[in-house]
């Protein structure tokens, strides 16, 4: 009876080992297949990001060329504005000179007008005298009234002189009027011409300054776009860096899984061989006994939860997963005041990124393989990280200190959970998976 029980136990051990071994092989094969699938996706995404970086660099190059063109045009406009300003200053100075000449001419005009007015009075008196005395008859009376030939000659010369003086007065009068009119016209024309040139130059200068202001705005827009493209390229470069590290971590996980499977397969083969040997021995013997069982366990620190995940930090949840202030918040914020607030690994895994990010500050990325499912956790805004890339960590192990680095508003931990590999803006809601 005892032999039959031992024989049955040995057979059962072999049989169960075969059954569960088959299930284990299938599960383990599926786990490796899943990891390789994630790795292929990462490699495809890395290729897409590389293409995106190249496109961003092309845009940056084009924007820089456009900025160079705008700066060249702005230089031309500056030279044109400088030239126009010099001409405006020159014409303004000439206008001042012309106005001085106008003042001078006004004085000369006043003198000429006074001369003309005096002549007008003289000519009017003479005309009145001619009218009253009969004009030329008076001259004949003067000549005929001579007492001798010599007196006649003297009188004749005097009459001729008076008549010539009258003609000179009239001619000078006409010349003064023409000169006055000419000077007034010339000054008026010169002033009008200068004023037109000055107005044209001011208008041109205003247009040039308007164009320069437009170029200033365009240059500011191009510079802003270039900064955005640089930030985009940096963001893509950071994503590429994270994906490369994740790819390497998954490759190590595949290798570790393969080594583990090989080790378990070898142990299973040894167990099966030992069972067969025991069965053969029992078939040839009437006694014996075997037995033994082992067990083990581990105790966790008070802050470590049971199950696959634990809470990553002490404190109060200040912001959850979902919409927030017109944007989407891809994780949970846990805040705790005071110094040296610890941050813990939410589950067993491998740190594959530990660096400084302009947005996340000091940040750590951990890859987890839990019951054949890959997860990724992210811990951002830490004051400092206590683990480096390639470090294997245990659930509840301290990995950093809570801080306020990067794009942060106060001391807290920003925690994200990804089902599978990390992908930009694809974190899942950790509620119900991670005890928060």
Protein backbone atom coordinates (compact mmCIF):
# COMPACT_ATOMS: atom_id res chain seq x y z
CA UNK A 1 0.00 0.00 0.00
CA UNK A 2 2.82 2.36 0.89
CA UNK A 3 4.63 1.51 -2.37
CA UNK A 4 1.49 2.28 -4.39
CA UNK A 5 1.12 5.68 -2.71
CA UNK A 6 4.78 6.54 -3.38
CA UNK A 7 4.48 5.36 -6.99
CA UNK A 8 1.30 7.42 -7.49
CA UNK A 9 2.93 10.48 -5.90
CA UNK A 10 5.96 10.22 -8.18
CA UNK A 11 3.76 9.78 -11.26
CA UNK A 12 1.59 12.70 -10.19
CA UNK A 13 4.68 14.86 -9.73
CA UNK A 14 5.87 14.04 -13.23
CA UNK A 15 2.37 14.54 -14.68
CA UNK A 16 1.69 17.85 -12.96
CA UNK A 17 5.16 19.07 -13.85
CA UNK A 18 4.38 18.35 -17.49
CA UNK A 19 0.97 20.05 -17.37
CA UNK A 20 2.03 23.20 -15.50
CA UNK A 21 5.33 23.22 -17.28
CA UNK A 22 3.45 23.43 -20.57
CA UNK A 23 1.31 26.28 -19.29
CA UNK A 24 4.43 28.03 -17.95
CA UNK A 25 6.20 27.69 -21.30
CA UNK A 26 3.22 29.19 -23.11
CA UNK A 27 2.94 32.04 -20.59
CA UNK A 28 6.67 32.75 -20.68
CA UNK A 29 6.70 32.64 -24.49
CA UNK A 30 3.81 35.11 -24.53
CA UNK A 31 5.71 37.36 -22.10
CA UNK A 32 8.81 37.43 -24.35
CA UNK A 33 6.62 37.94 -27.41
CA UNK A 34 4.92 40.87 -25.67
CA UNK A 35 8.28 42.42 -24.77
CA UNK A 36 9.52 42.02 -28.34
CA UNK A 37 6.30 43.57 -29.61
CA UNK A 38 6.82 46.55 -27.33
CA UNK A 39 10.42 46.76 -28.53
CA UNK A 40 9.32 46.87 -32.18
CA UNK A 41 6.85 49.64 -31.37
CA UNK A 42 9.58 51.60 -29.60
CA UNK A 43 11.92 51.24 -32.56
CA UNK A 44 9.18 52.43 -34.93
CA UNK A 45 8.47 55.39 -32.68
CA UNK A 46 12.18 56.21 -32.45
CA UNK A 47 12.28 56.24 -36.24
CA UNK A 48 9.28 58.60 -36.34
CA UNK A 49 10.87 60.88 -33.72
CA UNK A 50 14.15 60.93 -35.66
CA UNK A 51 12.20 61.99 -38.73
CA UNK A 52 10.42 64.64 -36.63
CA UNK A 53 13.78 65.96 -35.35
CA UNK A 54 15.08 66.19 -38.93
CA UNK A 55 11.94 68.07 -39.97
CA UNK A 56 12.28 70.42 -36.99
CA UNK A 57 15.93 71.08 -37.88
CA UNK A 58 14.91 71.79 -41.50
CA UNK A 59 12.30 74.26 -40.26
CA UNK A 60 14.87 75.88 -37.98
CA UNK A 61 17.27 76.24 -40.93
CA UNK A 62 14.54 77.79 -43.10
CA UNK A 63 13.49 80.14 -40.30
CA UNK A 64 17.11 81.21 -39.81
CA UNK A 65 17.41 81.91 -43.56
CA UNK A 66 14.19 83.93 -43.45
CA UNK A 67 15.54 85.87 -40.47
CA UNK A 68 18.75 86.59 -42.42
CA UNK A 69 16.68 87.93 -45.32
CA UNK A 70 14.60 90.10 -42.98
CA UNK A 71 17.73 91.41 -41.25
CA UNK A 72 19.25 92.26 -44.65
CA UNK A 73 16.07 94.10 -45.61
CA UNK A 74 16.07 95.88 -42.25
CA UNK A 75 19.66 96.98 -42.88
CA UNK A 76 18.63 98.38 -46.25
CA UNK A 77 15.72 100.20 -44.62
CA UNK A 78 18.00 101.59 -41.91
CA UNK A 79 20.34 102.99 -44.58
CA UNK A 80 17.39 104.44 -46.50
CA UNK A 81 15.96 105.98 -43.32
CA UNK A 82 19.37 107.44 -42.47
CA UNK A 83 19.69 108.92 -45.98
CA UNK A 84 16.16 110.35 -45.86
CA UNK A 85 16.82 111.83 -42.42
CA UNK A 86 19.98 113.54 -43.69
CA UNK A 87 18.08 114.95 -46.65
CA UNK A 88 15.29 116.15 -44.38
CA UNK A 89 17.87 117.89 -42.19
CA UNK A 90 19.48 119.43 -45.31
CA UNK A 91 16.17 120.66 -46.74
CA UNK A 92 15.11 121.96 -43.35
CA UNK A 93 18.35 123.95 -43.14
CA UNK A 94 17.82 125.30 -46.65
CA UNK A 95 14.29 126.27 -45.74
CA UNK A 96 15.67 128.21 -42.79
CA UNK A 97 18.13 129.94 -45.14
CA UNK A 98 15.33 130.69 -47.59
CA UNK A 99 13.21 132.13 -44.81
CA UNK A 100 16.15 134.36 -43.85
CA UNK A 101 16.34 135.47 -47.48
CA UNK A 102 12.62 136.10 -47.39
CA UNK A 103 13.07 138.36 -44.38
CA UNK A 104 15.88 140.16 -46.23
CA UNK A 105 13.77 140.45 -49.38
CA UNK A 106 10.90 141.72 -47.33
CA UNK A 107 13.19 144.54 -46.20
CA UNK A 108 14.33 145.21 -49.77
CA UNK A 109 10.73 144.99 -50.95
CA UNK A 110 9.78 147.59 -48.41
CA UNK A 111 12.47 149.95 -49.75
CA UNK A 112 11.41 149.29 -53.36
CA UNK A 113 7.78 149.85 -52.44
CA UNK A 114 8.71 153.11 -50.76
CA UNK A 115 10.63 154.22 -53.89
CA UNK A 116 7.72 153.23 -56.08
CA UNK A 117 5.32 155.09 -53.80
CA UNK A 118 7.47 158.25 -53.93
CA UNK A 119 7.68 158.02 -57.69
CA UNK A 120 3.96 157.49 -57.87
CA UNK A 121 3.47 160.72 -55.92
CA UNK A 122 6.00 162.55 -58.12
CA UNK A 123 4.49 161.26 -61.35
CA UNK A 124 0.99 162.10 -60.13
CA UNK A 125 2.14 165.67 -59.36
CA UNK A 126 3.74 166.00 -62.76
CA UNK A 127 0.69 164.54 -64.48
CA UNK A 128 -1.50 167.02 -62.59
CA UNK A 129 0.85 169.82 -63.61
CA UNK A 130 0.73 168.77 -67.25
CA UNK A 131 -3.03 168.71 -67.10
CA UNK A 132 -3.25 172.14 -65.52
CA UNK A 133 -0.65 173.89 -67.71
CA UNK A 134 -1.06 171.98 -70.94
CA UNK A 135 2.09 169.93 -70.70
CA UNK A 136 4.54 170.64 -73.60
CA UNK A 137 3.32 174.24 -74.07
CA UNK A 138 4.96 175.14 -70.80
CA UNK A 139 8.28 173.87 -72.10
CA UNK A 140 7.82 176.07 -75.25
CA UNK A 141 7.08 179.05 -73.03
CA UNK A 142 10.29 178.33 -71.19
CA UNK A 143 12.25 178.24 -74.46
CA UNK A 144 10.55 181.26 -75.98
CA UNK A 145 11.12 183.28 -72.89
CA UNK A 146 14.88 183.17 -73.38
CA UNK A 147 16.64 186.59 -73.54
CA UNK A 148 19.54 185.46 -75.72
CA UNK A 149 20.70 182.60 -77.80
CA UNK A 150 22.92 181.44 -75.02
CA UNK A 151 20.00 181.59 -72.65
CA UNK A 152 17.95 179.62 -75.18
CA UNK A 153 20.58 176.92 -75.33
CA UNK A 154 20.71 176.71 -71.56
CA UNK A 155 16.94 176.51 -71.35
CA UNK A 156 16.78 173.89 -74.08
CA UNK A 157 19.33 171.73 -72.24
CA UNK A 158 17.40 172.13 -69.03
CA UNK A 159 14.13 171.09 -70.69
CA UNK A 160 15.82 168.06 -72.27
CA UNK A 161 17.30 167.10 -68.91
CA UNK A 162 13.91 167.37 -67.20
CA UNK A 163 12.21 165.35 -69.90
CA UNK A 164 14.96 162.66 -69.72
CA UNK A 165 14.64 162.58 -65.94
CA UNK A 166 10.94 161.94 -66.30
CA UNK A 167 11.69 159.05 -68.69
CA UNK A 168 14.31 157.65 -66.27
CA UNK A 169 11.86 157.84 -63.41
CA UNK A 170 9.28 155.91 -65.40
CA UNK A 171 11.83 153.29 -66.54
CA UNK A 172 13.22 152.88 -62.99
CA UNK A 173 9.68 152.65 -61.70
CA UNK A 174 8.91 149.84 -64.15
CA UNK A 175 12.24 148.11 -63.39
CA UNK A 176 11.60 148.24 -59.64
CA UNK A 177 8.13 146.78 -60.09
CA UNK A 178 9.50 143.96 -62.28
CA UNK A 179 12.34 143.26 -59.83
CA UNK A 180 9.91 143.20 -56.94
CA UNK A 181 7.60 140.82 -58.74
CA UNK A 182 10.52 138.61 -59.82
CA UNK A 183 11.98 138.38 -56.31
CA UNK A 184 8.62 137.69 -54.75
CA UNK A 185 7.89 134.98 -57.32
CA UNK A 186 11.33 133.43 -56.94
CA UNK A 187 11.13 133.29 -53.16
CA UNK A 188 7.61 131.93 -53.31
CA UNK A 189 8.63 129.23 -55.79
CA UNK A 190 11.80 128.31 -53.88
CA UNK A 191 9.90 128.04 -50.63
CA UNK A 192 7.13 125.97 -52.23
CA UNK A 193 9.70 123.66 -53.87
CA UNK A 194 11.58 123.15 -50.63
CA UNK A 195 8.35 122.56 -48.74
CA UNK A 196 7.27 119.93 -51.30
CA UNK A 197 10.64 118.18 -51.11
CA UNK A 198 10.49 118.28 -47.33
CA UNK A 199 6.95 116.89 -47.29
CA UNK A 200 7.93 114.13 -49.75
CA UNK A 201 10.98 113.22 -47.68
CA UNK A 202 8.96 113.13 -44.47
CA UNK A 203 6.35 110.92 -46.13
CA UNK A 204 9.06 108.62 -47.48
CA UNK A 205 10.71 108.52 -44.06
CA UNK A 206 7.38 107.65 -42.45
CA UNK A 207 6.82 104.86 -44.99
CA UNK A 208 10.33 103.52 -44.38
CA UNK A 209 9.80 103.54 -40.62
CA UNK A 210 6.46 101.77 -41.09
CA UNK A 211 8.17 99.13 -43.23
CA UNK A 212 10.92 98.75 -40.63
CA UNK A 213 8.32 98.35 -37.86
CA UNK A 214 6.64 95.62 -39.93
CA UNK A 215 10.01 93.93 -40.44
CA UNK A 216 10.65 94.16 -36.69
CA UNK A 217 7.35 92.38 -36.04
CA UNK A 218 8.10 89.76 -38.71
CA UNK A 219 11.56 89.16 -37.25
CA UNK A 220 10.07 88.78 -33.75
CA UNK A 221 7.57 86.23 -35.12
CA UNK A 222 10.35 84.29 -36.90
CA UNK A 223 12.53 84.32 -33.77
CA UNK A 224 9.58 83.08 -31.69
CA UNK A 225 8.89 80.32 -34.22
CA UNK A 226 12.56 79.32 -34.17
CA UNK A 227 12.49 79.13 -30.36
CA UNK A 228 9.37 76.96 -30.56
CA UNK A 229 11.06 74.67 -33.09
CA UNK A 230 14.15 74.46 -30.88
CA UNK A 231 11.94 73.53 -27.92
CA UNK A 232 10.10 71.02 -30.11
CA UNK A 233 13.40 69.53 -31.30
CA UNK A 234 14.67 69.38 -27.70
CA UNK A 235 11.42 67.74 -26.61
CA UNK A 236 11.75 65.18 -29.42
CA UNK A 237 15.41 64.61 -28.53
CA UNK A 238 14.42 63.97 -24.92
CA UNK A 239 11.72 61.57 -26.10
CA UNK A 240 14.26 59.83 -28.32
CA UNK A 241 16.64 59.54 -25.37
CA UNK A 242 13.89 58.04 -23.18
CA UNK A 243 12.83 55.60 -25.90
CA UNK A 244 16.43 54.52 -26.52
CA UNK A 245 16.87 53.84 -22.79
CA UNK A 246 13.54 52.03 -22.70
CA UNK A 247 14.51 49.95 -25.74
CA UNK A 248 17.74 48.91 -23.98
CA UNK A 249 15.84 48.13 -20.76
CA UNK A 250 13.31 45.95 -22.62
CA UNK A 251 16.20 44.19 -24.37
CA UNK A 252 17.71 43.44 -20.97
CA UNK A 253 14.30 42.23 -19.73
CA UNK A 254 14.02 39.88 -22.71
CA UNK A 255 17.51 38.53 -22.00
CA UNK A 256 16.73 38.12 -18.28
CA UNK A 257 13.42 36.42 -19.12
CA UNK A 258 15.16 34.05 -21.53
CA UNK A 259 17.83 33.25 -18.95
CA UNK A 260 15.15 32.69 -16.30
CA UNK A 261 13.19 30.42 -18.62
CA UNK A 262 16.32 28.46 -19.48
CA UNK A 263 17.16 28.08 -15.81
CA UNK A 264 13.61 27.00 -14.94
CA UNK A 265 13.58 24.56 -17.85
CA UNK A 266 16.86 23.04 -16.62
CA UNK A 267 15.50 22.81 -13.08
CA UNK A 268 12.29 21.20 -14.39
CA UNK A 269 14.30 18.67 -16.38
CA UNK A 270 16.39 17.83 -13.32
CA UNK A 271 13.22 17.47 -11.23
CA UNK A 272 11.63 15.21 -13.84
CA UNK A 273 14.77 13.11 -14.04
CA UNK A 274 14.90 12.86 -10.25
CA UNK A 275 11.22 11.85 -10.16
CA UNK A 276 11.79 9.14 -12.73
CA UNK A 277 14.77 7.85 -10.74
CA UNK A 278 12.69 7.85 -7.56
CA UNK A 279 9.87 5.97 -9.33
CA UNK A 280 12.32 3.39 -10.63
CA UNK A 281 13.80 2.98 -7.18
CA UNK A 282 10.34 2.58 -5.62
CA UNK A 283 9.46 -0.05 -8.18
CA UNK A 284 12.41 -2.08 -7.00
CA UNK A 285 12.07 -1.44 -3.30
CA UNK A 286 9.41 -1.82 -0.63
CA UNK A 287 10.08 1.18 1.58
CA UNK A 288 11.37 4.70 1.67
CA UNK A 289 10.07 8.04 2.28
CA UNK A 290 10.51 11.45 1.06
CA UNK A 291 9.09 14.79 1.96
CA UNK A 292 9.88 18.25 2.76
CA UNK A 293 8.39 21.54 2.09
CA UNK A 294 9.67 25.02 2.28
CA UNK A 295 8.19 28.39 2.51
CA UNK A 296 9.34 31.84 2.85
CA UNK A 297 8.13 35.31 3.05
CA UNK A 298 9.26 38.83 3.44
CA UNK A 299 8.21 41.62 5.57
CA UNK A 300 7.70 45.04 4.07
CA UNK A 301 8.27 48.43 5.54
CA UNK A 302 5.12 50.06 6.95
CA UNK A 303 4.73 52.32 3.90
CA UNK A 304 4.80 49.42 1.40
CA UNK A 305 1.38 48.12 0.34
CA UNK A 306 0.63 44.51 -0.44
CA UNK A 307 0.09 43.57 -4.07
CA UNK A 308 2.12 44.54 -7.12
CA UNK A 309 2.16 48.30 -6.51
CA UNK A 310 2.60 50.62 -3.55
CA UNK A 311 2.06 54.32 -3.00
CA UNK A 312 5.08 56.25 -4.37
CA UNK A 313 5.16 59.02 -1.76
CA UNK A 314 3.54 60.25 1.45
CA UNK A 315 1.40 63.38 1.38
CA UNK A 316 -1.83 64.80 0.05
CA UNK A 317 -3.10 64.40 -3.53
CA UNK A 318 -3.37 67.94 -4.87
CA UNK A 319 -4.24 67.11 -8.48
CA UNK A 320 -5.60 63.98 -10.12
CA UNK A 321 -5.58 62.47 -13.59
CA UNK A 322 -7.66 64.31 -16.20
CA UNK A 323 -8.62 67.81 -17.31
CA UNK A 324 -7.12 70.69 -15.40
CA UNK A 325 -7.27 74.41 -16.21
CA UNK A 326 -7.93 73.97 -19.91
CA UNK A 327 -5.25 71.29 -20.33
CA UNK A 328 -4.89 67.59 -19.53
CA UNK A 329 -3.02 66.36 -16.47
CA UNK A 330 -1.44 62.99 -17.25
CA UNK A 331 -0.84 61.83 -13.70
CA UNK A 332 -1.27 62.44 -9.98
CA UNK A 333 0.39 65.15 -7.89
CA UNK A 334 1.26 64.24 -4.29
CA UNK A 335 2.45 67.10 -2.07
CA UNK A 336 4.12 66.98 1.32
CA UNK A 337 5.82 69.88 3.09
CA UNK A 338 9.12 69.62 4.90
CA UNK A 339 12.60 68.51 3.95
CA UNK A 340 13.83 65.14 2.69
CA UNK A 341 10.35 63.77 1.87
CA UNK A 342 11.09 60.31 0.39
CA UNK A 343 9.89 59.00 -2.97
CA UNK A 344 9.57 55.23 -3.44
CA UNK A 345 9.52 52.85 -6.39
CA UNK A 346 5.89 51.89 -6.95
CA UNK A 347 6.87 48.33 -7.97
CA UNK A 348 9.86 46.08 -8.69
CA UNK A 349 11.65 47.13 -11.86
CA UNK A 350 14.63 48.63 -13.61
CA UNK A 351 15.49 52.33 -13.73
CA UNK A 352 16.18 53.11 -17.39
CA UNK A 353 16.19 56.94 -17.24
CA UNK A 354 17.42 59.18 -14.45
CA UNK A 355 18.20 62.70 -15.66
CA UNK A 356 17.20 66.36 -15.59
CA UNK A 357 14.38 67.55 -17.87
CA UNK A 358 13.44 71.19 -18.52
CA UNK A 359 9.79 70.30 -17.85
CA UNK A 360 9.98 67.40 -15.36
CA UNK A 361 13.11 68.55 -13.54
CA UNK A 362 14.92 65.65 -11.88
CA UNK A 363 12.94 62.67 -13.15
CA UNK A 364 13.19 58.87 -13.00
CA UNK A 365 11.60 56.33 -15.38
CA UNK A 366 11.20 52.71 -14.21
CA UNK A 367 10.25 49.71 -16.36
CA UNK A 368 8.23 46.95 -14.61
CA UNK A 369 7.31 43.43 -15.70
CA UNK A 370 4.38 42.31 -13.56
CA UNK A 371 2.71 38.96 -14.25
CA UNK A 372 3.71 39.12 -17.91
CA UNK A 373 2.47 42.73 -18.32
CA UNK A 374 4.88 45.59 -18.89
CA UNK A 375 4.30 48.88 -17.04
CA UNK A 376 6.26 52.11 -16.87
CA UNK A 377 6.21 54.58 -13.98
CA UNK A 378 7.52 58.16 -13.99
CA UNK A 379 8.55 60.23 -10.95
CA UNK A 380 9.01 63.96 -11.71
CA UNK A 381 10.12 67.24 -10.03
CA UNK A 382 12.35 65.48 -7.48
CA UNK A 383 14.85 67.53 -5.51
CA UNK A 384 17.36 64.80 -6.25
CA UNK A 385 17.43 61.24 -7.54
CA UNK A 386 19.05 58.47 -5.52
CA UNK A 387 19.23 55.92 -8.35
CA UNK A 388 20.92 55.88 -11.74
CA UNK A 389 19.98 54.30 -15.05
CA UNK A 390 20.41 50.52 -14.99
CA UNK A 391 19.59 50.20 -11.29
CA UNK A 392 17.24 47.35 -10.32
CA UNK A 393 14.88 48.51 -7.58
CA UNK A 394 12.36 46.83 -5.29
CA UNK A 395 8.84 47.96 -4.49
CA UNK A 396 8.99 50.53 -1.70
CA UNK A 397 12.71 51.26 -2.18
CA UNK A 398 13.54 54.96 -1.87
CA UNK A 399 14.58 56.33 -5.25
CA UNK A 400 14.62 60.08 -4.58
CA UNK A 401 13.58 63.10 -2.53
CA UNK A 402 10.48 65.22 -3.23
CA UNK A 403 11.29 68.63 -4.70
CA UNK A 404 10.25 71.51 -6.91
CA UNK A 405 12.51 71.23 -9.99
CA UNK A 406 11.60 71.83 -13.64
CA UNK A 407 8.24 73.33 -14.59
CA UNK A 408 6.81 73.03 -11.09
CA UNK A 409 4.75 75.15 -8.69
CA UNK A 410 5.69 74.01 -5.23
CA UNK A 411 7.20 70.89 -3.69
CA UNK A 412 5.40 67.75 -4.88
CA UNK A 413 5.75 64.48 -6.79
CA UNK A 414 4.18 64.19 -10.25
CA UNK A 415 3.54 60.47 -10.78
CA UNK A 416 2.57 58.84 -14.08
CA UNK A 417 1.69 55.24 -14.98
CA UNK A 418 1.87 53.69 -18.47
CA UNK A 419 0.50 50.32 -19.44
CA UNK A 420 3.33 48.97 -21.58
CA UNK A 421 6.08 51.22 -22.81
CA UNK A 422 6.31 54.96 -22.21
CA UNK A 423 4.74 57.08 -24.95
CA UNK A 424 4.37 60.85 -25.00
CA UNK A 425 0.97 61.89 -23.54
CA UNK A 426 -0.38 58.35 -23.27
CA UNK A 427 -0.26 57.73 -19.51
CA UNK A 428 -3.20 55.88 -17.97
CA UNK A 429 -5.16 56.67 -14.83
CA UNK A 430 -3.27 54.97 -11.96
CA UNK A 431 -6.38 54.85 -9.77
CA UNK A 432 -7.36 51.26 -9.06
CA UNK A 433 -3.91 49.99 -10.05
CA UNK A 434 -1.59 51.91 -7.74
CA UNK A 435 -2.88 52.49 -4.19
CA UNK A 436 -3.00 56.28 -3.90
